[in-house]
Amino acid sequence: MRLLRGLLGAVLWILASVLGLVGLVLCVTVILLPVGIPLLGIARRLITSAVRLMLPRSLAHPIDEVSRTVTKKGRRARSVTSNAADKAGEKIHKVARAGDKLLA
C-alpha cells in the first residue's frame, strides 16, 4: 500500500509540475493571465496532495494521529483503573465479611 501511495504521489507531482509550468507560461502572456493564475493555484494544491500521499500518515495528519493515540491510551488507562477499582472493592468486601464473622 505504501508503494502504491508513493507511486501515485510521484505521478501527481509530475502532473502538478507540468500544470504549473503551463500556468507560468500563460501568466507570461498578459492576455492569458486570468487563465494562468487559477492554473497555478490548482498546481499548488496538487503538489500539496502529492506530498501528503508520499509522507507517512503520522506526518501527513499529525492531529488525527495524536487523537488516535490519546484515545487508545485513554481506553487502556480506563481498563486498568477499572480493574484496580474492582479488585479494591472485592478486598473491602472480604474484610467486611471477615469483620461480620468476628462480631457474630
N, C-alpha and C. Protein backbone atom coordinates (compact mmCIF):
# COMPACT_ATOMS: atom_id res chain seq x y z
N MET A 1 0.83 -1.19 0.00
CA MET A 1 0.00 0.00 0.00
C MET A 1 0.87 1.26 0.00
N ARG A 2 1.97 1.20 0.75
CA ARG A 2 2.86 2.35 0.82
C ARG A 2 3.50 2.63 -0.55
N LEU A 3 3.85 1.55 -1.25
CA LEU A 3 4.45 1.70 -2.58
C LEU A 3 3.45 2.32 -3.55
N LEU A 4 2.21 1.87 -3.49
CA LEU A 4 1.18 2.41 -4.37
C LEU A 4 0.93 3.89 -4.09
N ARG A 5 0.89 4.25 -2.80
CA ARG A 5 0.70 5.67 -2.46
C ARG A 5 1.88 6.50 -2.94
N GLY A 6 3.10 5.99 -2.79
CA GLY A 6 4.28 6.71 -3.25
C GLY A 6 4.29 6.90 -4.76
N LEU A 7 3.89 5.84 -5.47
CA LEU A 7 3.83 5.92 -6.94
C LEU A 7 2.76 6.92 -7.38
N LEU A 8 1.60 6.87 -6.75
CA LEU A 8 0.53 7.82 -7.08
C LEU A 8 0.97 9.24 -6.75
N GLY A 9 1.67 9.42 -5.64
CA GLY A 9 2.17 10.75 -5.28
C GLY A 9 3.18 11.26 -6.30
N ALA A 10 4.05 10.38 -6.79
CA ALA A 10 5.05 10.79 -7.78
C ALA A 10 4.38 11.20 -9.10
N VAL A 11 3.39 10.42 -9.52
CA VAL A 11 2.67 10.76 -10.77
C VAL A 11 1.93 12.08 -10.61
N LEU A 12 1.31 12.27 -9.44
CA LEU A 12 0.59 13.52 -9.19
C LEU A 12 1.55 14.70 -9.14
N TRP A 13 2.73 14.47 -8.58
CA TRP A 13 3.74 15.52 -8.52
C TRP A 13 4.17 15.94 -9.93
N ILE A 14 4.40 14.97 -10.80
CA ILE A 14 4.81 15.28 -12.18
C ILE A 14 3.69 16.03 -12.91
N LEU A 15 2.45 15.58 -12.73
CA LEU A 15 1.32 16.26 -13.35
C LEU A 15 1.20 17.69 -12.85
N ALA A 16 1.37 17.89 -11.55
CA ALA A 16 1.29 19.24 -10.99
C ALA A 16 2.42 20.12 -11.50
N SER A 17 3.59 19.56 -11.67
CA SER A 17 4.72 20.34 -12.18
C SER A 17 4.46 20.80 -13.61
N VAL A 18 3.96 19.91 -14.44
CA VAL A 18 3.64 20.27 -15.83
C VAL A 18 2.54 21.33 -15.85
N LEU A 19 1.53 21.14 -15.00
CA LEU A 19 0.43 22.11 -14.94
C LEU A 19 0.94 23.47 -14.46
N GLY A 20 1.85 23.47 -13.50
CA GLY A 20 2.43 24.72 -13.03
C GLY A 20 3.26 25.41 -14.09
N LEU A 21 3.98 24.63 -14.88
CA LEU A 21 4.78 25.20 -15.96
C LEU A 21 3.88 25.83 -17.02
N VAL A 22 2.80 25.14 -17.35
CA VAL A 22 1.84 25.71 -18.32
C VAL A 22 1.23 26.98 -17.76
N GLY A 23 0.88 26.96 -16.47
CA GLY A 23 0.32 28.15 -15.84
C GLY A 23 1.29 29.30 -15.84
N LEU A 24 2.57 29.01 -15.63
CA LEU A 24 3.59 30.04 -15.64
C LEU A 24 3.74 30.65 -17.04
N VAL A 25 3.72 29.81 -18.06
CA VAL A 25 3.81 30.31 -19.44
C VAL A 25 2.59 31.17 -19.78
N LEU A 26 1.42 30.73 -19.30
CA LEU A 26 0.22 31.52 -19.55
C LEU A 26 0.26 32.85 -18.82
N CYS A 27 0.89 32.90 -17.65
CA CYS A 27 1.00 34.16 -16.91
C CYS A 27 1.96 35.14 -17.59
N VAL A 28 2.92 34.60 -18.32
CA VAL A 28 3.86 35.48 -19.02
C VAL A 28 3.15 36.25 -20.12
N THR A 29 2.24 35.58 -20.81
CA THR A 29 1.46 36.29 -21.82
C THR A 29 0.35 37.04 -21.10
N VAL A 30 0.33 38.33 -21.25
CA VAL A 30 -0.55 39.20 -20.47
C VAL A 30 -2.02 38.92 -20.77
N ILE A 31 -2.34 38.54 -21.99
CA ILE A 31 -3.74 38.30 -22.36
C ILE A 31 -4.29 37.07 -21.64
N LEU A 32 -3.47 36.04 -21.45
CA LEU A 32 -3.93 34.80 -20.81
C LEU A 32 -3.64 34.76 -19.31
N LEU A 33 -3.34 35.91 -18.71
CA LEU A 33 -3.07 35.98 -17.28
C LEU A 33 -4.25 35.49 -16.43
N PRO A 34 -5.51 35.83 -16.77
CA PRO A 34 -6.62 35.33 -15.95
C PRO A 34 -6.78 33.80 -15.99
N VAL A 35 -6.22 33.16 -17.00
CA VAL A 35 -6.26 31.69 -17.06
C VAL A 35 -5.07 31.09 -16.32
N GLY A 36 -3.93 31.77 -16.37
CA GLY A 36 -2.71 31.24 -15.78
C GLY A 36 -2.71 31.25 -14.26
N ILE A 37 -3.28 32.27 -13.65
CA ILE A 37 -3.27 32.38 -12.19
C ILE A 37 -4.07 31.25 -11.54
N PRO A 38 -5.31 30.98 -11.97
CA PRO A 38 -6.02 29.84 -11.36
C PRO A 38 -5.32 28.50 -11.62
N LEU A 39 -4.67 28.39 -12.77
CA LEU A 39 -3.95 27.15 -13.09
C LEU A 39 -2.77 26.95 -12.13
N LEU A 40 -2.12 28.03 -11.76
CA LEU A 40 -1.05 27.93 -10.77
C LEU A 40 -1.60 27.52 -9.39
N GLY A 41 -2.78 28.02 -9.06
CA GLY A 41 -3.40 27.62 -7.79
C GLY A 41 -3.75 26.14 -7.75
N ILE A 42 -4.25 25.64 -8.87
CA ILE A 42 -4.58 24.21 -8.95
C ILE A 42 -3.30 23.38 -8.86
N ALA A 43 -2.23 23.84 -9.51
CA ALA A 43 -0.95 23.12 -9.46
C ALA A 43 -0.41 23.09 -8.03
N ARG A 44 -0.57 24.19 -7.30
CA ARG A 44 -0.11 24.23 -5.91
C ARG A 44 -0.87 23.22 -5.06
N ARG A 45 -2.19 23.15 -5.23
CA ARG A 45 -2.99 22.19 -4.46
C ARG A 45 -2.63 20.75 -4.82
N LEU A 46 -2.35 20.50 -6.09
CA LEU A 46 -1.95 19.15 -6.50
C LEU A 46 -0.60 18.75 -5.91
N ILE A 47 0.32 19.71 -5.82
CA ILE A 47 1.62 19.41 -5.22
C ILE A 47 1.47 19.08 -3.74
N THR A 48 0.63 19.84 -3.02
CA THR A 48 0.43 19.53 -1.60
C THR A 48 -0.23 18.17 -1.42
N SER A 49 -1.14 17.81 -2.30
CA SER A 49 -1.76 16.48 -2.23
C SER A 49 -0.73 15.39 -2.51
N ALA A 50 0.16 15.65 -3.46
CA ALA A 50 1.20 14.66 -3.78
C ALA A 50 2.14 14.46 -2.61
N VAL A 51 2.51 15.54 -1.93
CA VAL A 51 3.40 15.43 -0.78
C VAL A 51 2.71 14.66 0.35
N ARG A 52 1.43 14.92 0.57
CA ARG A 52 0.69 14.19 1.60
C ARG A 52 0.60 12.71 1.29
N LEU A 53 0.48 12.37 0.02
CA LEU A 53 0.45 10.95 -0.35
C LEU A 53 1.78 10.27 -0.09
N MET A 54 2.87 11.01 -0.27
CA MET A 54 4.19 10.39 -0.11
C MET A 54 4.64 10.31 1.35
N LEU A 55 4.14 11.19 2.19
CA LEU A 55 4.55 11.20 3.59
C LEU A 55 3.85 10.09 4.37
N PRO A 56 4.46 9.62 5.45
CA PRO A 56 3.75 8.68 6.34
C PRO A 56 2.55 9.37 6.99
N ARG A 57 1.59 8.56 7.43
CA ARG A 57 0.35 9.11 7.98
C ARG A 57 0.60 10.01 9.19
N SER A 58 1.57 9.67 10.02
CA SER A 58 1.81 10.46 11.22
C SER A 58 2.31 11.87 10.89
N LEU A 59 2.98 12.04 9.77
CA LEU A 59 3.44 13.37 9.36
C LEU A 59 2.41 14.10 8.52
N ALA A 60 1.63 13.36 7.73
CA ALA A 60 0.65 14.00 6.87
C ALA A 60 -0.57 14.48 7.65
N HIS A 61 -0.96 13.72 8.68
CA HIS A 61 -2.12 14.07 9.50
C HIS A 61 -1.75 14.00 10.98
N PRO A 62 -0.96 14.96 11.49
CA PRO A 62 -0.47 14.86 12.87
C PRO A 62 -1.58 14.95 13.91
N ILE A 63 -2.59 15.76 13.68
CA ILE A 63 -3.66 15.91 14.68
C ILE A 63 -4.48 14.63 14.77
N ASP A 64 -4.76 14.00 13.65
CA ASP A 64 -5.51 12.74 13.67
C ASP A 64 -4.73 11.67 14.40
N GLU A 65 -3.41 11.63 14.19
CA GLU A 65 -2.59 10.62 14.85
C GLU A 65 -2.56 10.83 16.36
N VAL A 66 -2.45 12.09 16.78
CA VAL A 66 -2.43 12.38 18.21
C VAL A 66 -3.77 12.01 18.83
N SER A 67 -4.86 12.34 18.14
CA SER A 67 -6.19 11.99 18.66
C SER A 67 -6.34 10.49 18.78
N ARG A 68 -5.87 9.76 17.79
CA ARG A 68 -5.97 8.30 17.82
C ARG A 68 -5.15 7.72 18.97
N THR A 69 -3.92 8.25 19.17
CA THR A 69 -3.06 7.77 20.24
C THR A 69 -3.67 8.06 21.61
N VAL A 70 -4.22 9.26 21.78
CA VAL A 70 -4.84 9.63 23.05
C VAL A 70 -6.05 8.74 23.33
N THR A 71 -6.82 8.43 22.32
CA THR A 71 -7.99 7.58 22.51
C THR A 71 -7.56 6.18 22.95
N LYS A 72 -6.53 5.64 22.31
CA LYS A 72 -6.04 4.31 22.69
C LYS A 72 -5.52 4.30 24.12
N LYS A 73 -4.71 5.31 24.47
CA LYS A 73 -4.15 5.37 25.83
C LYS A 73 -5.26 5.57 26.86
N GLY A 74 -6.28 6.35 26.51
CA GLY A 74 -7.40 6.57 27.42
C GLY A 74 -8.16 5.28 27.69
N ARG A 75 -8.39 4.50 26.63
CA ARG A 75 -9.08 3.21 26.80
C ARG A 75 -8.26 2.29 27.69
N ARG A 76 -6.96 2.26 27.47
CA ARG A 76 -6.09 1.40 28.26
C ARG A 76 -6.08 1.84 29.73
N ALA A 77 -6.00 3.15 29.96
CA ALA A 77 -5.99 3.65 31.34
C ALA A 77 -7.32 3.37 32.03
N ARG A 78 -8.42 3.50 31.29
CA ARG A 78 -9.74 3.24 31.86
C ARG A 78 -9.87 1.78 32.26
N SER A 79 -9.36 0.88 31.44
CA SER A 79 -9.47 -0.54 31.79
C SER A 79 -8.59 -0.88 32.99
N VAL A 80 -7.40 -0.27 33.07
CA VAL A 80 -6.51 -0.53 34.21
C VAL A 80 -7.13 -0.01 35.50
N THR A 81 -7.66 1.20 35.48
CA THR A 81 -8.26 1.76 36.70
C THR A 81 -9.53 1.02 37.07
N SER A 82 -10.27 0.57 36.08
CA SER A 82 -11.48 -0.19 36.36
C SER A 82 -11.13 -1.51 37.03
N ASN A 83 -10.10 -2.19 36.54
CA ASN A 83 -9.66 -3.45 37.15
C ASN A 83 -9.18 -3.21 38.58
N ALA A 84 -8.43 -2.13 38.80
CA ALA A 84 -7.93 -1.83 40.15
C ALA A 84 -9.09 -1.53 41.09
N ALA A 85 -10.08 -0.80 40.62
CA ALA A 85 -11.23 -0.48 41.46
C ALA A 85 -12.02 -1.74 41.79
N ASP A 86 -12.16 -2.64 40.83
CA ASP A 86 -12.87 -3.90 41.08
C ASP A 86 -12.14 -4.73 42.14
N LYS A 87 -10.82 -4.81 42.02
CA LYS A 87 -10.04 -5.59 42.99
C LYS A 87 -10.13 -4.97 44.38
N ALA A 88 -10.07 -3.64 44.47
CA ALA A 88 -10.17 -2.97 45.77
C ALA A 88 -11.55 -3.21 46.37
N GLY A 89 -12.58 -3.19 45.54
CA GLY A 89 -13.93 -3.46 46.04
C GLY A 89 -14.06 -4.88 46.58
N GLU A 90 -13.46 -5.83 45.88
CA GLU A 90 -13.51 -7.22 46.34
C GLU A 90 -12.78 -7.38 47.68
N LYS A 91 -11.62 -6.72 47.83
CA LYS A 91 -10.87 -6.82 49.08
C LYS A 91 -11.66 -6.18 50.23
N ILE A 92 -12.28 -5.04 49.98
CA ILE A 92 -13.09 -4.40 51.01
C ILE A 92 -14.25 -5.29 51.41
N HIS A 93 -14.86 -5.93 50.44
CA HIS A 93 -15.97 -6.84 50.72
C HIS A 93 -15.52 -8.02 51.57
N LYS A 94 -14.34 -8.57 51.28
CA LYS A 94 -13.81 -9.70 52.06
C LYS A 94 -13.51 -9.27 53.49
N VAL A 95 -12.93 -8.09 53.67
CA VAL A 95 -12.61 -7.59 55.01
C VAL A 95 -13.89 -7.34 55.79
N ALA A 96 -14.89 -6.77 55.15
CA ALA A 96 -16.16 -6.52 55.81
C ALA A 96 -16.82 -7.84 56.21
N ARG A 97 -16.76 -8.85 55.36
CA ARG A 97 -17.34 -10.15 55.67
C ARG A 97 -16.60 -10.81 56.84
N ALA A 98 -15.27 -10.65 56.87
CA ALA A 98 -14.48 -11.20 57.98
C ALA A 98 -14.83 -10.50 59.28
N GLY A 99 -15.04 -9.20 59.22
CA GLY A 99 -15.44 -8.45 60.42
C GLY A 99 -16.80 -8.88 60.91
N ASP A 100 -17.73 -9.18 60.00
CA ASP A 100 -19.06 -9.66 60.39
C ASP A 100 -18.96 -11.00 61.07
N LYS A 101 -18.06 -11.86 60.61
CA LYS A 101 -17.90 -13.19 61.20
C LYS A 101 -17.32 -13.06 62.62
N LEU A 102 -16.43 -12.10 62.82
CA LEU A 102 -15.85 -11.91 64.14
C LEU A 102 -16.89 -11.40 65.15
N LEU A 103 -17.78 -10.54 64.69
CA LEU A 103 -18.80 -9.98 65.57
C LEU A 103 -19.89 -10.99 65.88
N ALA A 104 -20.12 -11.93 64.98
CA ALA A 104 -21.21 -12.90 65.20
C ALA A 104 -20.84 -14.02 66.09
